N, C-alpha and C. Protein backbone atom coordinates (compact mmCIF):
# COMPACT_ATOMS: atom_id res chain seq x y z
N LYS A 1 132.47 123.50 102.55
CA LYS A 1 132.35 122.35 101.92
C LYS A 1 130.93 122.76 101.18
N ASP A 2 130.58 123.74 101.05
CA ASP A 2 129.17 124.13 100.02
C ASP A 2 129.90 124.39 98.76
N ALA A 3 130.91 124.79 98.76
CA ALA A 3 131.83 125.09 97.28
C ALA A 3 131.90 124.14 96.42
N THR A 4 131.73 122.79 97.06
CA THR A 4 132.10 121.36 96.31
C THR A 4 130.71 121.50 95.36
N LEU A 5 129.42 122.13 95.95
CA LEU A 5 128.39 121.64 94.82
C LEU A 5 128.21 122.83 94.29
N ASP A 6 128.72 124.02 94.66
CA ASP A 6 129.01 125.34 93.68
C ASP A 6 129.72 126.49 94.44
N PRO A 7 130.70 127.16 93.89
CA PRO A 7 131.50 127.65 94.20
C PRO A 7 130.24 129.36 95.07
N ARG A 8 129.52 129.41 94.19
CA ARG A 8 128.55 130.55 94.73
C ARG A 8 128.02 130.59 95.79
N LEU A 9 127.80 129.35 96.32
CA LEU A 9 127.14 128.85 97.76
C LEU A 9 128.24 129.60 98.75
N ALA A 10 129.82 129.51 98.40
CA ALA A 10 130.21 130.40 99.15
C ALA A 10 130.98 131.78 99.16
N GLY A 11 130.54 131.98 98.13
CA GLY A 11 130.40 133.58 98.09
C GLY A 11 131.59 133.53 96.87
N LEU A 12 132.23 132.61 96.21
CA LEU A 12 133.61 132.81 94.92
C LEU A 12 132.74 132.59 93.41
N ASP A 13 133.47 132.99 93.11
CA ASP A 13 133.62 132.88 91.22
C ASP A 13 133.03 131.61 90.56
N HIS A 14 132.13 131.57 89.78
CA HIS A 14 131.58 130.43 89.32
C HIS A 14 131.93 130.67 87.65
N THR A 15 132.31 129.35 87.11
CA THR A 15 132.68 129.69 85.71
C THR A 15 131.98 128.91 84.92
N PRO A 16 130.76 129.77 84.56
CA PRO A 16 129.14 128.93 83.85
C PRO A 16 130.06 127.91 82.65
N GLY A 17 128.85 126.60 83.04
CA GLY A 17 128.90 125.50 82.05
C GLY A 17 129.94 124.32 82.75
N VAL A 18 130.37 124.22 83.67
CA VAL A 18 131.17 124.04 84.23
C VAL A 18 130.62 123.49 86.30
N GLY A 19 131.07 122.66 86.41
CA GLY A 19 130.86 122.01 87.58
C GLY A 19 129.47 121.30 87.46
N ARG A 20 129.07 120.90 89.15
CA ARG A 20 127.68 119.90 89.24
C ARG A 20 126.71 120.40 88.93
N ILE A 21 126.50 121.64 89.13
CA ILE A 21 124.88 121.75 88.54
C ILE A 21 125.08 121.72 86.75
N ALA A 22 126.12 121.95 86.60
CA ALA A 22 125.92 121.96 84.94
C ALA A 22 125.85 120.76 84.37
N ALA A 23 126.62 119.55 85.15
CA ALA A 23 126.67 118.15 84.55
C ALA A 23 125.18 117.65 84.83
N ILE A 24 124.22 118.17 86.17
CA ILE A 24 123.12 117.63 86.24
C ILE A 24 122.14 118.42 84.60
N ALA A 25 122.36 119.59 84.72
CA ALA A 25 121.67 120.28 83.59
C ALA A 25 121.93 119.36 82.11
N ASP A 26 123.11 119.31 81.98
CA ASP A 26 123.18 118.42 80.96
C ASP A 26 122.41 116.36 81.09
N ASN A 27 122.42 115.93 82.19
CA ASN A 27 121.93 115.03 82.09
C ASN A 27 120.01 115.04 82.10
N VAL A 28 119.86 115.95 82.95
CA VAL A 28 118.38 115.93 82.85
C VAL A 28 117.85 116.80 81.73
N HIS A 29 118.71 117.67 81.18
CA HIS A 29 118.22 117.77 79.78
C HIS A 29 118.33 116.62 78.50
N GLU A 30 119.63 116.20 78.45
CA GLU A 30 119.73 114.72 77.73
C GLU A 30 118.13 113.84 78.03
N LEU A 31 117.56 113.38 79.18
CA LEU A 31 116.47 112.69 79.31
C LEU A 31 115.37 113.27 79.16
N TRP A 32 114.92 113.94 79.10
CA TRP A 32 114.03 115.65 78.89
C TRP A 32 114.07 115.29 77.16
N ASP A 33 114.89 115.24 76.40
CA ASP A 33 115.03 115.59 75.03
C ASP A 33 114.70 114.17 74.50
N GLU A 34 115.16 112.68 74.80
CA GLU A 34 114.92 111.66 74.87
C GLU A 34 113.64 111.01 74.90
N HIS A 35 112.90 111.66 76.07
CA HIS A 35 111.39 111.35 76.53
C HIS A 35 110.38 111.96 76.72
N LYS A 36 110.73 112.97 75.76
CA LYS A 36 109.60 113.94 75.66
C LYS A 36 108.19 113.93 74.83
N ASP A 37 108.70 113.36 74.32
CA ASP A 37 107.43 112.60 72.79
C ASP A 37 106.46 111.37 73.23
N GLU A 38 106.99 110.79 74.42
CA GLU A 38 106.75 109.30 74.99
C GLU A 38 104.86 109.86 75.68
N VAL A 39 104.47 108.70 75.01
CA VAL A 39 102.77 108.96 75.28
C VAL A 39 102.80 108.26 76.67
N TYR A 40 102.03 108.95 77.70
CA TYR A 40 101.77 108.00 78.95
C TYR A 40 100.08 107.93 78.88
N THR A 41 99.75 107.13 80.16
CA THR A 41 98.03 107.27 80.45
C THR A 41 97.95 107.93 81.53
N ASP A 42 96.49 107.66 81.54
CA ASP A 42 96.02 108.51 82.77
C ASP A 42 95.59 107.92 83.71
N GLN A 43 95.08 108.20 84.94
CA GLN A 43 94.44 107.48 85.59
C GLN A 43 93.29 106.32 85.25
N ASP A 44 92.85 106.79 84.41
CA ASP A 44 91.22 105.39 83.58
C ASP A 44 92.27 104.88 82.94
N GLY A 45 93.60 104.93 82.74
CA GLY A 45 94.42 104.15 81.74
C GLY A 45 94.14 104.45 79.87
N GLN A 46 94.16 106.01 79.78
CA GLN A 46 93.74 106.14 78.75
C GLN A 46 94.69 107.04 78.44
N PRO A 47 95.10 107.24 77.02
CA PRO A 47 96.47 108.38 76.43
C PRO A 47 96.30 109.12 76.99
N SER A 48 97.41 109.89 78.04
CA SER A 48 97.04 111.57 78.37
C SER A 48 97.49 112.41 77.24
N PRO A 49 96.79 113.44 77.11
CA PRO A 49 96.88 114.59 76.25
C PRO A 49 98.64 115.35 76.40
N HIS A 50 98.99 114.99 77.66
CA HIS A 50 100.75 115.59 78.08
C HIS A 50 101.58 114.40 77.66
N LYS A 51 102.23 114.94 77.14
CA LYS A 51 103.62 113.49 76.82
C LYS A 51 104.90 114.35 77.53
N GLY A 52 105.67 112.80 77.46
CA GLY A 52 106.84 113.45 78.35
C GLY A 52 107.31 112.84 79.72
N ALA A 53 108.56 112.43 79.77
CA ALA A 53 108.52 111.84 81.27
C ALA A 53 108.77 113.00 81.76
N PHE A 54 108.93 112.25 83.47
CA PHE A 54 109.11 113.63 84.79
C PHE A 54 110.28 113.02 85.39
N GLN A 55 111.28 113.89 85.91
CA GLN A 55 112.07 113.92 86.71
C GLN A 55 112.23 114.44 88.07
N ILE A 56 113.02 114.30 88.81
CA ILE A 56 112.95 114.68 90.23
C ILE A 56 114.88 115.05 90.84
N VAL A 57 114.82 116.00 90.83
CA VAL A 57 116.48 116.52 91.11
C VAL A 57 116.47 116.60 93.13
N PHE A 58 117.16 115.98 93.60
CA PHE A 58 117.23 116.10 94.98
C PHE A 58 118.55 117.15 95.41
N CYS A 59 118.22 118.00 96.54
CA CYS A 59 119.25 118.95 96.50
C CYS A 59 118.91 119.52 97.97
N ASP A 60 119.75 119.12 99.16
CA ASP A 60 119.80 119.71 100.79
C ASP A 60 119.82 120.91 100.67
N LYS A 61 121.16 121.33 100.07
CA LYS A 61 122.14 122.89 100.32
C LYS A 61 121.29 123.54 99.06
N GLY A 62 121.64 124.90 99.39
CA GLY A 62 121.35 126.00 98.44
C GLY A 62 119.99 126.33 98.29
N VAL A 63 118.65 125.54 99.21
CA VAL A 63 117.55 125.75 98.89
C VAL A 63 116.78 127.46 99.02
N PRO A 64 115.53 127.22 98.26
CA PRO A 64 115.43 128.67 98.68
C PRO A 64 114.75 129.41 100.02
N SER A 65 114.78 130.16 100.30
CA SER A 65 114.43 130.83 101.85
C SER A 65 113.60 132.08 101.43
N LYS A 66 112.20 131.91 101.83
CA LYS A 66 111.50 133.14 102.15
C LYS A 66 112.01 134.14 102.76
N SER A 67 112.94 134.09 103.63
CA SER A 67 113.29 135.14 104.69
C SER A 67 114.47 135.61 103.22
N ASP A 68 115.39 135.54 102.64
CA ASP A 68 116.16 136.48 101.61
C ASP A 68 115.83 135.88 100.21
N PRO A 69 114.95 136.16 99.52
CA PRO A 69 114.74 135.76 98.02
C PRO A 69 115.37 135.71 97.11
N LEU A 70 116.60 137.13 97.47
CA LEU A 70 117.49 137.41 96.59
C LEU A 70 119.11 136.41 96.58
N LYS A 71 119.17 135.85 97.65
CA LYS A 71 119.72 134.69 97.72
C LYS A 71 120.18 133.91 96.86
N PHE A 72 121.70 133.45 96.36
CA PHE A 72 121.53 132.62 95.38
C PHE A 72 121.07 130.97 95.95
N THR A 73 120.53 129.93 94.90
CA THR A 73 120.06 128.86 95.09
C THR A 73 120.34 128.22 93.75
N ILE A 74 120.60 126.91 94.85
CA ILE A 74 120.89 125.86 93.74
C ILE A 74 119.81 125.38 92.66
N TYR A 75 119.04 125.79 93.56
CA TYR A 75 117.24 125.39 92.55
C TYR A 75 117.29 126.33 91.43
N GLU A 76 117.54 127.74 91.51
CA GLU A 76 117.04 128.40 90.52
C GLU A 76 118.43 128.57 89.87
N ALA A 77 119.69 128.15 90.22
CA ALA A 77 120.85 128.07 89.11
C ALA A 77 120.23 126.89 87.63
N LEU A 78 120.18 125.67 88.50
CA LEU A 78 119.81 124.55 87.73
C LEU A 78 118.53 125.08 87.03
N ARG A 79 117.38 125.77 87.38
CA ARG A 79 116.40 126.16 86.89
C ARG A 79 117.24 126.67 85.33
N GLN A 80 118.14 127.66 85.72
CA GLN A 80 118.35 128.84 84.50
C GLN A 80 119.24 127.87 83.46
N GLU A 81 119.98 126.73 83.97
CA GLU A 81 120.51 125.83 82.94
C GLU A 81 119.83 125.75 82.12
N LEU A 82 118.70 124.54 82.32
CA LEU A 82 117.86 124.24 82.14
C LEU A 82 116.79 125.11 81.33
N VAL A 83 116.61 125.76 80.98
CA VAL A 83 116.21 127.03 80.19
C VAL A 83 116.75 127.36 79.46
N ALA A 84 118.19 127.76 79.62
CA ALA A 84 119.10 128.05 78.28
C ALA A 84 119.09 127.12 77.83
N LYS A 85 119.11 125.76 78.31
CA LYS A 85 119.18 124.79 76.90
C LYS A 85 117.61 124.61 76.50
N GLY A 86 116.93 125.10 76.72
CA GLY A 86 115.40 124.79 75.80
C GLY A 86 114.34 124.43 76.41
N MET A 87 114.61 124.22 77.49
CA MET A 87 113.33 123.74 78.37
C MET A 87 112.75 124.94 78.97
N ASP A 88 111.02 124.62 79.16
CA ASP A 88 110.13 125.42 79.61
C ASP A 88 109.98 125.67 81.08
N LYS A 89 110.41 126.71 81.40
CA LYS A 89 110.83 127.38 83.09
C LYS A 89 109.48 126.98 83.62
N ASP A 90 108.23 127.05 83.27
CA ASP A 90 106.96 126.96 83.91
C ASP A 90 107.02 125.47 84.26
N ARG A 91 107.68 124.58 83.37
CA ARG A 91 107.99 123.07 83.85
C ARG A 91 108.42 122.66 84.50
N ILE A 92 109.29 123.46 85.06
CA ILE A 92 110.49 123.26 86.60
C ILE A 92 110.02 123.64 87.24
N ARG A 93 109.79 123.09 88.18
CA ARG A 93 109.03 123.34 89.74
C ARG A 93 110.21 123.22 90.78
N PHE A 94 109.50 123.86 91.84
CA PHE A 94 110.35 123.76 93.15
C PHE A 94 109.46 123.29 94.19
N ILE A 95 109.74 122.28 94.83
CA ILE A 95 108.86 122.22 96.15
C ILE A 95 108.43 122.87 96.97
N HIS A 96 109.81 123.41 97.07
CA HIS A 96 109.47 125.21 98.45
C HIS A 96 108.26 126.22 97.66
N ASP A 97 107.84 126.30 96.67
CA ASP A 97 107.18 126.81 95.94
C ASP A 97 106.03 126.44 96.39
N ARG A 98 105.52 125.32 97.07
CA ARG A 98 104.29 124.70 96.48
C ARG A 98 104.01 124.24 98.05
N ASP A 99 104.09 124.38 98.97
CA ASP A 99 104.34 123.85 100.11
C ASP A 99 102.70 123.67 100.77
N ASP A 100 102.00 124.52 100.09
CA ASP A 100 100.19 125.04 100.49
C ASP A 100 99.70 123.81 99.60
N ARG A 101 100.47 123.69 98.38
CA ARG A 101 99.50 123.33 97.09
C ARG A 101 100.30 121.66 96.89
N ARG A 102 100.69 120.76 97.97
CA ARG A 102 101.41 119.63 97.58
C ARG A 102 100.42 118.91 96.56
N VAL A 103 99.22 118.64 97.24
CA VAL A 103 98.59 117.58 96.49
C VAL A 103 98.46 117.81 94.88
N GLN A 104 98.21 119.25 94.65
CA GLN A 104 97.96 119.93 93.02
C GLN A 104 99.09 119.50 92.07
N LEU A 105 100.24 119.90 92.97
CA LEU A 105 102.13 119.70 92.59
C LEU A 105 101.94 118.15 92.17
N PHE A 106 101.78 117.42 93.13
CA PHE A 106 101.78 116.03 93.04
C PHE A 106 101.01 115.68 91.92
N ALA A 107 100.05 116.05 91.73
CA ALA A 107 99.01 115.84 90.65
C ALA A 107 99.51 115.94 88.82
N GLU A 108 99.69 117.59 89.48
CA GLU A 108 100.83 117.60 87.93
C GLU A 108 101.80 117.01 87.64
N CYS A 109 103.08 116.64 88.41
CA CYS A 109 104.02 115.93 88.08
C CYS A 109 103.15 114.48 87.51
N ASN A 110 102.71 113.97 88.32
CA ASN A 110 101.75 112.78 87.63
C ASN A 110 101.12 112.76 86.25
N ASN A 111 100.68 113.83 85.89
CA ASN A 111 99.83 114.06 84.72
C ASN A 111 100.21 114.88 83.43
N GLY A 112 101.93 115.35 83.34
CA GLY A 112 102.44 115.76 82.98
C GLY A 112 102.33 117.07 82.50
N LYS A 113 102.27 117.41 83.48
CA LYS A 113 102.35 118.85 83.16
C LYS A 113 103.82 120.02 84.02
N VAL A 114 104.60 118.68 84.38
CA VAL A 114 105.98 118.91 85.33
C VAL A 114 106.78 118.05 84.57
N ASP A 115 107.98 118.56 84.21
CA ASP A 115 108.83 118.01 83.65
C ASP A 115 109.82 117.74 84.85
N VAL A 116 110.32 118.67 85.84
CA VAL A 116 111.28 118.52 86.62
C VAL A 116 110.66 118.87 88.16
N LEU A 117 110.86 118.15 89.23
CA LEU A 117 110.45 118.86 90.08
C LEU A 117 112.06 118.62 91.02
N ILE A 118 112.11 119.79 91.49
CA ILE A 118 113.21 120.30 92.46
C ILE A 118 112.93 120.21 93.96
N GLY A 119 113.48 119.19 94.83
CA GLY A 119 113.38 119.19 96.55
C GLY A 119 114.18 119.35 97.20
N ASN A 120 114.33 119.39 98.37
CA ASN A 120 115.34 118.59 99.36
C ASN A 120 114.61 117.20 99.66
N THR A 121 115.41 116.46 100.70
CA THR A 121 114.78 115.48 101.54
C THR A 121 113.89 115.72 102.14
N ASP A 122 114.15 116.77 103.11
CA ASP A 122 112.59 116.59 104.32
C ASP A 122 111.36 117.06 103.66
N LYS A 123 111.20 117.77 102.27
CA LYS A 123 110.10 118.09 101.94
C LYS A 123 109.87 117.06 100.62
N LEU A 124 110.39 116.36 100.16
CA LEU A 124 109.88 115.47 98.82
C LEU A 124 110.20 113.94 99.58
N GLY A 125 111.15 113.72 100.66
CA GLY A 125 111.61 112.59 100.78
C GLY A 125 110.63 111.40 101.03
N THR A 126 109.26 111.89 101.48
CA THR A 126 108.54 111.31 102.20
C THR A 126 106.99 111.65 101.59
N GLY A 127 106.11 110.65 101.43
CA GLY A 127 104.83 111.09 101.22
C GLY A 127 104.47 112.07 99.75
N ALA A 128 105.75 111.76 98.90
CA ALA A 128 105.00 112.37 97.23
C ALA A 128 104.99 111.35 96.60
N ASN A 129 103.57 110.83 95.93
CA ASN A 129 103.53 109.92 95.32
C ASN A 129 103.23 110.33 93.89
N ILE A 130 104.48 110.26 93.27
CA ILE A 130 104.95 110.94 91.92
C ILE A 130 105.65 110.32 90.74
N GLN A 131 105.29 109.33 91.00
CA GLN A 131 106.01 108.05 90.13
C GLN A 131 105.41 108.20 88.67
N SER A 132 104.40 108.01 88.48
CA SER A 132 103.48 107.71 87.49
C SER A 132 104.35 107.79 85.94
N ARG A 133 105.69 108.87 85.96
CA ARG A 133 105.76 109.34 85.05
C ARG A 133 107.20 109.09 85.15
N CYS A 134 107.91 108.88 86.35
CA CYS A 134 109.50 109.16 86.60
C CYS A 134 110.19 107.91 85.60
N ILE A 135 111.20 109.18 85.16
CA ILE A 135 112.29 108.39 84.54
C ILE A 135 114.04 108.64 84.88
N ALA A 136 113.85 109.60 85.96
CA ALA A 136 114.99 109.91 86.68
C ALA A 136 115.36 110.63 87.99
N ILE A 137 116.11 109.96 88.68
CA ILE A 137 116.45 110.93 90.06
C ILE A 137 117.68 111.22 89.84
N HIS A 138 117.98 112.53 90.47
CA HIS A 138 119.26 113.19 90.86
C HIS A 138 119.55 113.50 91.72
N HIS A 139 120.63 112.81 92.10
CA HIS A 139 121.16 113.70 93.61
C HIS A 139 122.37 114.87 93.41
N ALA A 140 121.57 116.01 93.66
CA ALA A 140 122.82 116.91 93.67
C ALA A 140 124.24 116.93 94.63
N ASP A 141 123.82 116.60 95.96
CA ASP A 141 124.23 116.14 97.01
C ASP A 141 123.74 114.57 97.56
N VAL A 142 124.10 114.34 98.44
CA VAL A 142 123.92 113.21 99.18
C VAL A 142 123.76 113.30 100.73
N PRO A 143 122.50 112.98 101.50
CA PRO A 143 121.71 113.02 102.75
C PRO A 143 122.79 112.34 103.65
N TRP A 144 122.59 112.81 104.95
CA TRP A 144 123.75 112.25 105.72
C TRP A 144 123.01 110.78 105.90
N LYS A 145 122.04 110.61 106.06
CA LYS A 145 121.32 109.49 106.45
C LYS A 145 121.21 108.65 105.23
N PRO A 146 121.91 106.81 105.06
CA PRO A 146 121.68 105.96 104.21
C PRO A 146 119.84 105.79 104.16
N ALA A 147 119.40 106.14 105.18
CA ALA A 147 117.61 105.84 104.84
C ALA A 147 117.05 106.91 103.90
N ASP A 148 117.42 108.06 104.15
CA ASP A 148 116.98 109.00 103.07
C ASP A 148 117.27 108.96 101.58
N LEU A 149 118.41 108.45 101.50
CA LEU A 149 118.59 108.30 100.32
C LEU A 149 118.05 107.24 99.98
N GLU A 150 117.47 105.90 100.55
CA GLU A 150 116.61 105.29 99.93
C GLU A 150 115.17 105.99 99.73
N GLN A 151 114.98 106.76 100.54
CA GLN A 151 113.76 107.30 100.52
C GLN A 151 113.39 107.94 99.45
N ARG A 152 114.51 108.92 99.04
CA ARG A 152 114.33 109.70 98.08
C ARG A 152 113.69 108.94 96.81
N ASP A 153 115.35 107.92 96.41
CA ASP A 153 114.79 106.62 95.47
C ASP A 153 113.70 106.16 95.33
N GLY A 154 112.85 106.17 96.60
CA GLY A 154 111.29 105.65 96.38
C GLY A 154 110.20 106.34 95.98
N ARG A 155 110.74 107.64 95.55
CA ARG A 155 109.89 108.34 95.14
C ARG A 155 109.29 107.97 93.65
N CYS A 156 110.22 107.27 93.04
CA CYS A 156 110.08 106.85 91.70
C CYS A 156 110.20 105.36 91.94
N HIS A 157 110.94 104.63 92.50
CA HIS A 157 111.20 103.49 92.28
C HIS A 157 109.84 102.36 93.00
N ARG A 158 108.68 102.65 92.35
CA ARG A 158 107.52 102.14 93.37
C ARG A 158 106.44 101.75 92.01
N GLN A 159 105.59 100.74 93.01
CA GLN A 159 104.26 100.40 91.95
C GLN A 159 103.59 101.38 91.06
N GLY A 160 103.38 101.71 90.04
CA GLY A 160 102.57 102.87 89.51
C GLY A 160 103.55 103.24 88.38
N ASN A 161 104.85 103.27 88.19
CA ASN A 161 105.18 104.13 87.33
C ASN A 161 105.36 103.31 86.01
N GLN A 162 105.25 104.10 85.39
CA GLN A 162 105.16 103.46 83.47
C GLN A 162 106.49 103.32 82.73
N ASN A 163 107.32 103.94 83.83
CA ASN A 163 108.79 103.59 83.11
C ASN A 163 109.27 102.11 83.71
N ASP A 164 110.00 101.31 82.44
CA ASP A 164 110.73 100.02 83.09
C ASP A 164 111.56 100.24 83.75
N PHE A 165 112.71 101.35 83.14
CA PHE A 165 114.02 101.94 83.80
C PHE A 165 114.15 102.94 84.69
N LEU A 166 114.72 103.08 85.23
CA LEU A 166 114.83 103.92 86.67
C LEU A 166 116.27 104.78 86.50
N HIS A 167 116.58 105.83 85.90
CA HIS A 167 118.19 106.65 85.86
C HIS A 167 118.13 106.91 87.18
N LYS A 168 119.51 106.47 87.78
CA LYS A 168 119.89 107.43 88.94
C LYS A 168 121.15 108.09 88.68
N PHE A 169 121.23 109.01 89.03
CA PHE A 169 122.37 110.00 89.07
C PHE A 169 122.65 110.45 90.75
């Protein structure tokens, strides 16, 4: 079942540039390129010095593991694809790397220091107020409960988002 997301999760060979992760990377990169020069306002209503929209990628399978940091993860595979397309590695973050600094991470997402945040439903589905610049939500996989999908979408589809239109993939 994991092979449907990415064959590497099941220990199978992978064809670079093919599959779901490549398609997500294409969508993320296209929106990043389209919106990278947009100006947003800060919390005081002033133009922010940091330009560009923000995107979230949800994935509940193939998440990073502290007990096995060398294990293949969807998160790292996606980041590598985005970096290969020209995006800055330091502006693509994983919620799993910031468990102890969530408030700081969420502020960085809202103020334009993060272009893409990758996380799972448990860690990012509730309590993440990161909507101010959110232009897209990408679902790499689908959670078991429909309410979890609504929670995911709610991270950006809410009051305070400066974008009129939210892309959902």
